[in-house]
Amino acid sequence: MVNPYEKNQAISAEDASKIVPRAEFRVFGKDIIKGVQEHMWQCKATLYAARVMPAETYFLSRNTNDANVKVRDGLLDIKTKVGETPEGYEIFQPRGKFRFPVKKEELEVILSHLKVEIPLTQETYTLEEFADIARENSELAVVVVEKKRFGFSVNGVICEYAKVWFNGAMVETACCESENYESMKTATEALGISELPNTNYLKAAKQVLGMV
């Protein structure tokens, strides 16, 4: 099983394109964690790790929910939605993790995924400069996301439950993700979350911020 808590490292767009994308089913709401905890013991979940994540900065676009753009550990990380499984699980393909200062050409590609047109006049941009650009654009929003995650697996499927803060507002979440799409349904049912709406981080953050 791929370690979801491994050290964050820069990855070129070319190398990222070779990564097999995972399907993800994620739910948000109140009292999510208690229900998942009760079910995970019944389905003999394998405990993995608990971690308070460093604060992340997400860049939300009013024009799309298909581009997950965030900064974690100083790296600009982008994934884009490339499809769904028959069950509706979302498939996001990694597009690279870039160190700051980010090249103009790389930032232009990222903005195109966010479906926002912004003239770029510099050859490179720091995190602060990119954040300032986003804050000044009415189609974008910058959100600070903090996470306290508890990882485990169910029959080889990566799972977690977590407390998440969007600009200080806390919600609970749980998810299952795997490159083995067929095993996802069994895991979500075993944890008692399969009937809840599948909501990715972008949609959840927009709901909290009132961007929907």
C-alpha atoms as a PDB file:
ATOM      1  CA  MET A   1       0.000   0.000   0.000  1.00  0.00           C
ATOM      2  CA  VAL A   2       1.275   3.473  -0.882  1.00  0.00           C
ATOM      3  CA  ASN A   3       2.135   5.497   2.185  1.00  0.00           C
ATOM      4  CA  PRO A   4      -0.200   8.536   2.217  1.00  0.00           C
ATOM      5  CA  TYR A   5       1.959  10.191   4.887  1.00  0.00           C
ATOM      6  CA  GLU A   6       5.300   9.892   3.128  1.00  0.00           C
ATOM      7  CA  LYS A   7       7.588  12.912   2.826  1.00  0.00           C
ATOM      8  CA  ASN A   8       6.362  15.450   0.300  1.00  0.00           C
ATOM      9  CA  GLN A   9       8.753  15.755  -2.642  1.00  0.00           C
ATOM     10  CA  ALA A  10       8.857  17.782  -5.832  1.00  0.00           C
ATOM     11  CA  ILE A  11       7.636  15.873  -8.905  1.00  0.00           C
ATOM     12  CA  SER A  12       7.815  17.069 -12.502  1.00  0.00           C
ATOM     13  CA  ALA A  13       4.694  17.154 -14.644  1.00  0.00           C
ATOM     14  CA  GLU A  14       6.189  14.385 -16.793  1.00  0.00           C
ATOM     15  CA  ASP A  15       6.824  12.082 -13.828  1.00  0.00           C
ATOM     16  CA  ALA A  16       3.415  12.864 -12.328  1.00  0.00           C
ATOM     17  CA  SER A  17       1.701  11.789 -15.542  1.00  0.00           C
ATOM     18  CA  LYS A  18       3.127   8.283 -15.028  1.00  0.00           C
ATOM     19  CA  ILE A  19       1.469   7.844 -11.623  1.00  0.00           C
ATOM     20  CA  VAL A  20      -1.582   5.566 -11.666  1.00  0.00           C
ATOM     21  CA  PRO A  21      -4.433   7.798 -10.477  1.00  0.00           C
ATOM     22  CA  ARG A  22      -6.466   6.737  -7.470  1.00  0.00           C
ATOM     23  CA  ALA A  23     -10.223   6.794  -7.200  1.00  0.00           C
ATOM     24  CA  GLU A  24     -11.476   8.643  -4.138  1.00  0.00           C
ATOM     25  CA  PHE A  25     -14.752   8.636  -2.235  1.00  0.00           C
ATOM     26  CA  ARG A  26     -14.917  11.290   0.485  1.00  0.00           C
ATOM     27  CA  VAL A  27     -17.655  12.507   2.788  1.00  0.00           C
ATOM     28  CA  PHE A  28     -17.940  15.585   5.001  1.00  0.00           C
ATOM     29  CA  GLY A  29     -20.286  16.505   7.818  1.00  0.00           C
ATOM     30  CA  LYS A  30     -20.953  16.320  11.532  1.00  0.00           C
ATOM     31  CA  ASP A  31     -20.565  13.125  13.594  1.00  0.00           C
ATOM     32  CA  ILE A  32     -18.775  11.367  10.709  1.00  0.00           C
ATOM     33  CA  ILE A  33     -15.889  10.142  12.835  1.00  0.00           C
ATOM     34  CA  LYS A  34     -17.935   8.349  15.500  1.00  0.00           C
ATOM     35  CA  GLY A  35     -19.755   6.255  12.910  1.00  0.00           C
ATOM     36  CA  VAL A  36     -16.566   5.345  11.057  1.00  0.00           C
ATOM     37  CA  GLN A  37     -14.822   4.353  14.301  1.00  0.00           C
ATOM     38  CA  GLU A  38     -17.650   1.989  15.175  1.00  0.00           C
ATOM     39  CA  HIS A  39     -17.576   0.330  11.766  1.00  0.00           C
ATOM     40  CA  MET A  40     -13.801   0.090  11.367  1.00  0.00           C
ATOM     41  CA  TRP A  41     -13.447  -2.296  14.293  1.00  0.00           C
ATOM     42  CA  GLN A  42     -16.177  -4.524  12.888  1.00  0.00           C
ATOM     43  CA  CYS A  43     -14.467  -4.762   9.489  1.00  0.00           C
ATOM     44  CA  LYS A  44     -11.056  -5.500  11.027  1.00  0.00           C
ATOM     45  CA  ALA A  45      -9.369  -2.374   9.775  1.00  0.00           C
ATOM     46  CA  THR A  46      -5.587  -2.197   9.922  1.00  0.00           C
ATOM     47  CA  LEU A  47      -4.437   0.919  11.760  1.00  0.00           C
ATOM     48  CA  TYR A  48      -1.787   2.930   9.967  1.00  0.00           C
ATOM     49  CA  ALA A  49      -0.946   6.346  11.387  1.00  0.00           C
ATOM     50  CA  ALA A  50      -2.213   9.532  12.980  1.00  0.00           C
ATOM     51  CA  ARG A  51      -0.798  12.882  11.993  1.00  0.00           C
ATOM     52  CA  VAL A  52      -1.444  16.566  12.452  1.00  0.00           C
ATOM     53  CA  MET A  53      -0.685  17.918   9.001  1.00  0.00           C
ATOM     54  CA  PRO A  54       1.148  21.180   8.384  1.00  0.00           C
ATOM     55  CA  ALA A  55      -1.226  23.956   7.331  1.00  0.00           C
ATOM     56  CA  GLU A  56      -2.023  23.850   3.620  1.00  0.00           C
ATOM     57  CA  THR A  57      -3.129  26.628   1.301  1.00  0.00           C
ATOM     58  CA  TYR A  58      -5.822  25.734  -1.235  1.00  0.00           C
ATOM     59  CA  PHE A  59      -6.610  27.820  -4.310  1.00  0.00           C
ATOM     60  CA  LEU A  60     -10.298  27.564  -5.224  1.00  0.00           C
ATOM     61  CA  SER A  61     -11.803  28.574  -8.540  1.00  0.00           C
ATOM     62  CA  ARG A  62     -15.424  29.574  -9.055  1.00  0.00           C
ATOM     63  CA  ASN A  63     -15.125  28.098 -12.546  1.00  0.00           C
ATOM     64  CA  THR A  64     -14.272  24.474 -11.771  1.00  0.00           C
ATOM     65  CA  ASN A  65     -14.192  21.703  -9.176  1.00  0.00           C
ATOM     66  CA  ASP A  66     -11.845  19.619 -11.282  1.00  0.00           C
ATOM     67  CA  ALA A  67      -8.490  21.212 -10.355  1.00  0.00           C
ATOM     68  CA  ASN A  68      -7.103  20.560  -6.883  1.00  0.00           C
ATOM     69  CA  VAL A  69      -4.378  23.175  -6.403  1.00  0.00           C
ATOM     70  CA  LYS A  70      -2.730  23.509  -3.009  1.00  0.00           C
ATOM     71  CA  VAL A  71       0.549  24.313  -1.284  1.00  0.00           C
ATOM     72  CA  ARG A  72       1.892  21.870   1.312  1.00  0.00           C
ATOM     73  CA  ASP A  73       5.417  21.757   2.709  1.00  0.00           C
ATOM     74  CA  GLY A  74       6.318  24.624   0.404  1.00  0.00           C
ATOM     75  CA  LEU A  75       5.380  22.713  -2.771  1.00  0.00           C
ATOM     76  CA  LEU A  76       2.703  23.787  -5.239  1.00  0.00           C
ATOM     77  CA  ASP A  77       0.764  20.569  -5.772  1.00  0.00           C
ATOM     78  CA  ILE A  78      -1.819  20.072  -8.506  1.00  0.00           C
ATOM     79  CA  LYS A  79      -4.170  17.204  -9.355  1.00  0.00           C
ATOM     80  CA  THR A  80      -6.927  17.310 -11.960  1.00  0.00           C
ATOM     81  CA  LYS A  81     -10.056  15.225 -12.276  1.00  0.00           C
ATOM     82  CA  VAL A  82      -9.802  12.844 -15.236  1.00  0.00           C
ATOM     83  CA  GLY A  83     -12.939  10.760 -14.741  1.00  0.00           C
ATOM     84  CA  GLU A  84     -15.233   8.805 -12.468  1.00  0.00           C
ATOM     85  CA  THR A  85     -15.811   5.129 -11.803  1.00  0.00           C
ATOM     86  CA  PRO A  86     -19.256   3.651 -12.555  1.00  0.00           C
ATOM     87  CA  GLU A  87     -20.013   4.112  -8.836  1.00  0.00           C
ATOM     88  CA  GLY A  88     -19.248   7.832  -9.067  1.00  0.00           C
ATOM     89  CA  TYR A  89     -15.866   7.754  -7.313  1.00  0.00           C
ATOM     90  CA  GLU A  90     -13.717  10.604  -8.582  1.00  0.00           C
ATOM     91  CA  ILE A  91     -10.371   9.949 -10.249  1.00  0.00           C
ATOM     92  CA  PHE A  92      -7.719  12.670  -9.907  1.00  0.00           C
ATOM     93  CA  GLN A  93      -4.445  12.533 -11.851  1.00  0.00           C
ATOM     94  CA  PRO A  94      -1.359  14.137 -10.252  1.00  0.00           C
ATOM     95  CA  ARG A  95       0.064  16.905 -12.462  1.00  0.00           C
ATOM     96  CA  GLY A  96       3.215  17.708 -10.521  1.00  0.00           C
ATOM     97  CA  LYS A  97       4.607  19.248  -7.353  1.00  0.00           C
ATOM     98  CA  PHE A  98       6.634  22.378  -7.946  1.00  0.00           C
ATOM     99  CA  ARG A  99       9.080  24.269  -5.732  1.00  0.00           C
ATOM    100  CA  PHE A 100       8.847  28.009  -5.313  1.00  0.00           C
ATOM    101  CA  PRO A 101       9.659  30.240  -6.998  1.00  0.00           C
ATOM    102  CA  VAL A 102       7.432  28.679  -9.682  1.00  0.00           C
ATOM    103  CA  LYS A 103       8.224  29.340 -13.321  1.00  0.00           C
ATOM    104  CA  LYS A 104       5.822  31.493 -15.325  1.00  0.00           C
ATOM    105  CA  GLU A 105       5.148  28.632 -17.757  1.00  0.00           C
ATOM    106  CA  GLU A 106       4.206  26.241 -14.938  1.00  0.00           C
ATOM    107  CA  LEU A 107       1.910  28.789 -13.334  1.00  0.00           C
ATOM    108  CA  GLU A 108       0.213  29.458 -16.681  1.00  0.00           C
ATOM    109  CA  VAL A 109      -0.635  25.757 -16.962  1.00  0.00           C
ATOM    110  CA  ILE A 110      -1.972  25.697 -13.399  1.00  0.00           C
ATOM    111  CA  LEU A 111      -4.151  28.759 -14.021  1.00  0.00           C
ATOM    112  CA  SER A 112      -5.494  27.135 -17.188  1.00  0.00           C
ATOM    113  CA  HIS A 113      -6.602  24.135 -15.107  1.00  0.00           C
ATOM    114  CA  LEU A 114      -8.317  26.563 -12.713  1.00  0.00           C
ATOM    115  CA  LYS A 115     -10.003  28.070 -15.798  1.00  0.00           C
ATOM    116  CA  VAL A 116      -8.834  31.567 -14.944  1.00  0.00           C
ATOM    117  CA  GLU A 117      -7.016  33.968 -17.263  1.00  0.00           C
ATOM    118  CA  ILE A 118      -4.467  36.165 -15.512  1.00  0.00           C
ATOM    119  CA  PRO A 119      -1.662  37.986 -17.357  1.00  0.00           C
ATOM    120  CA  LEU A 120       1.710  36.984 -15.899  1.00  0.00           C
ATOM    121  CA  THR A 121       4.503  39.519 -16.289  1.00  0.00           C
ATOM    122  CA  GLN A 122       7.266  37.901 -14.211  1.00  0.00           C
ATOM    123  CA  GLU A 123       9.474  34.944 -15.105  1.00  0.00           C
ATOM    124  CA  THR A 124       9.012  33.370 -11.658  1.00  0.00           C
ATOM    125  CA  TYR A 125       6.583  33.732  -8.748  1.00  0.00           C
ATOM    126  CA  THR A 126       6.951  33.155  -5.018  1.00  0.00           C
ATOM    127  CA  LEU A 127       4.119  31.680  -2.935  1.00  0.00           C
ATOM    128  CA  GLU A 128       3.300  35.137  -1.582  1.00  0.00           C
ATOM    129  CA  GLU A 129       3.141  36.598  -5.086  1.00  0.00           C
ATOM    130  CA  PHE A 130       0.893  33.798  -6.335  1.00  0.00           C
ATOM    131  CA  ALA A 131      -1.381  34.166  -3.291  1.00  0.00           C
ATOM    132  CA  ASP A 132      -1.609  37.933  -3.852  1.00  0.00           C
ATOM    133  CA  ILE A 133      -2.622  37.343  -7.480  1.00  0.00           C
ATOM    134  CA  ALA A 134      -5.313  34.901  -6.383  1.00  0.00           C
ATOM    135  CA  ARG A 135      -6.690  37.203  -3.665  1.00  0.00           C
ATOM    136  CA  GLU A 136      -6.999  40.056  -6.147  1.00  0.00           C
ATOM    137  CA  ASN A 137      -8.978  37.928  -8.611  1.00  0.00           C
ATOM    138  CA  SER A 138     -12.731  37.636  -7.996  1.00  0.00           C
ATOM    139  CA  GLU A 139     -12.813  34.154  -9.565  1.00  0.00           C
ATOM    140  CA  LEU A 140     -10.321  32.713  -7.072  1.00  0.00           C
ATOM    141  CA  ALA A 141     -10.225  32.246  -3.307  1.00  0.00           C
ATOM    142  CA  VAL A 142      -7.355  31.353  -0.993  1.00  0.00           C
ATOM    143  CA  VAL A 143      -8.184  29.020   1.895  1.00  0.00           C
ATOM    144  CA  VAL A 144      -6.001  27.875   4.787  1.00  0.00           C
ATOM    145  CA  VAL A 145      -6.734  24.199   5.500  1.00  0.00           C
ATOM    146  CA  GLU A 146      -5.605  22.374   8.633  1.00  0.00           C
ATOM    147  CA  LYS A 147      -6.033  18.622   9.110  1.00  0.00           C
ATOM    148  CA  LYS A 148      -5.762  16.083  11.901  1.00  0.00           C
ATOM    149  CA  ARG A 149      -5.766  12.739  10.079  1.00  0.00           C
ATOM    150  CA  PHE A 150      -6.102   9.135  11.258  1.00  0.00           C
ATOM    151  CA  GLY A 151      -5.091   6.624   8.614  1.00  0.00           C
ATOM    152  CA  PHE A 152      -5.995   2.961   8.307  1.00  0.00           C
ATOM    153  CA  SER A 153      -6.819   0.412   5.626  1.00  0.00           C
ATOM    154  CA  VAL A 154      -9.701  -1.933   4.879  1.00  0.00           C
ATOM    155  CA  ASN A 155      -8.744  -4.934   2.753  1.00  0.00           C
ATOM    156  CA  GLY A 156      -5.862  -2.990   1.224  1.00  0.00           C
ATOM    157  CA  VAL A 157      -7.884   0.167   0.504  1.00  0.00           C
ATOM    158  CA  ILE A 158      -6.368   3.366   1.954  1.00  0.00           C
ATOM    159  CA  CYS A 159      -8.834   5.006   4.356  1.00  0.00           C
ATOM    160  CA  GLU A 160      -8.886   7.807   6.847  1.00  0.00           C
ATOM    161  CA  TYR A 161     -11.061   9.899   9.075  1.00  0.00           C
ATOM    162  CA  ALA A 162     -10.061  13.414   9.975  1.00  0.00           C
ATOM    163  CA  LYS A 163     -10.932  16.745  11.487  1.00  0.00           C
ATOM    164  CA  VAL A 164     -10.507  19.524   8.950  1.00  0.00           C
ATOM    165  CA  TRP A 165     -10.488  23.284   9.478  1.00  0.00           C
ATOM    166  CA  PHE A 166     -11.278  25.608   6.541  1.00  0.00           C
ATOM    167  CA  ASN A 167     -10.151  29.100   7.596  1.00  0.00           C
ATOM    168  CA  GLY A 168     -10.788  27.987  11.171  1.00  0.00           C
ATOM    169  CA  ALA A 169     -14.219  26.368  10.603  1.00  0.00           C
ATOM    170  CA  MET A 170     -14.108  22.672  11.585  1.00  0.00           C
ATOM    171  CA  VAL A 171     -15.854  19.801   9.806  1.00  0.00           C
ATOM    172  CA  GLU A 172     -15.327  16.045   9.968  1.00  0.00           C
ATOM    173  CA  THR A 173     -14.451  13.896   6.995  1.00  0.00           C
ATOM    174  CA  ALA A 174     -13.751  10.298   6.017  1.00  0.00           C
ATOM    175  CA  CYS A 175     -12.552   8.770   2.781  1.00  0.00           C
ATOM    176  CA  CYS A 176     -11.450   5.682   0.920  1.00  0.00           C
ATOM    177  CA  GLU A 177      -9.052   5.762  -2.021  1.00  0.00           C
ATOM    178  CA  SER A 178      -7.324   3.182  -4.152  1.00  0.00           C
ATOM    179  CA  GLU A 179      -5.897   2.408  -7.581  1.00  0.00           C
ATOM    180  CA  ASN A 180      -8.026  -0.749  -7.363  1.00  0.00           C
ATOM    181  CA  TYR A 181     -11.386   0.778  -8.161  1.00  0.00           C
ATOM    182  CA  GLU A 182     -13.349  -2.440  -7.740  1.00  0.00           C
ATOM    183  CA  SER A 183     -12.385  -2.744  -4.077  1.00  0.00           C
ATOM    184  CA  MET A 184     -13.682   0.738  -3.230  1.00  0.00           C
ATOM    185  CA  LYS A 185     -17.359  -0.213  -2.972  1.00  0.00           C
ATOM    186  CA  THR A 186     -16.703  -2.900  -0.365  1.00  0.00           C
ATOM    187  CA  ALA A 187     -14.619  -0.537   1.757  1.00  0.00           C
ATOM    188  CA  THR A 188     -17.129   2.332   1.712  1.00  0.00           C
ATOM    189  CA  GLU A 189     -19.954  -0.036   2.622  1.00  0.00           C
ATOM    190  CA  ALA A 190     -17.911  -1.614   5.438  1.00  0.00           C
ATOM    191  CA  LEU A 191     -17.350   1.847   6.962  1.00  0.00           C
ATOM    192  CA  GLY A 192     -21.007   2.833   6.689  1.00  0.00           C
ATOM    193  CA  ILE A 193     -20.402   5.871   4.474  1.00  0.00           C
ATOM    194  CA  SER A 194     -21.426   4.575   1.042  1.00  0.00           C
ATOM    195  CA  GLU A 195     -24.841   6.284   1.059  1.00  0.00           C
ATOM    196  CA  LEU A 196     -23.472   9.737   1.916  1.00  0.00           C
ATOM    197  CA  PRO A 197     -22.752  12.335  -0.809  1.00  0.00           C
ATOM    198  CA  ASN A 198     -19.311  12.042  -2.399  1.00  0.00           C
ATOM    199  CA  THR A 199     -17.757  15.462  -1.736  1.00  0.00           C
ATOM    200  CA  ASN A 200     -14.157  16.367  -2.501  1.00  0.00           C
ATOM    201  CA  TYR A 201     -12.106  18.986  -0.654  1.00  0.00           C
ATOM    202  CA  LEU A 202     -12.836  21.683  -3.209  1.00  0.00           C
ATOM    203  CA  LYS A 203     -16.613  21.341  -2.917  1.00  0.00           C
ATOM    204  CA  ALA A 204     -16.470  21.140   0.885  1.00  0.00           C
ATOM    205  CA  ALA A 205     -14.318  24.260   1.162  1.00  0.00           C
ATOM    206  CA  LYS A 206     -16.647  26.161  -1.171  1.00  0.00           C
ATOM    207  CA  GLN A 207     -19.648  25.166   0.941  1.00  0.00           C
ATOM    208  CA  VAL A 208     -17.950  26.461   4.090  1.00  0.00           C
ATOM    209  CA  LEU A 209     -16.918  29.711   2.368  1.00  0.00           C
ATOM    210  CA  GLY A 210     -20.280  30.223   0.699  1.00  0.00           C
ATOM    211  CA  MET A 211     -18.884  29.942  -2.836  1.00  0.00           C
ATOM    212  CA  VAL A 212     -21.640  27.548  -3.995  1.00  0.00           C
END
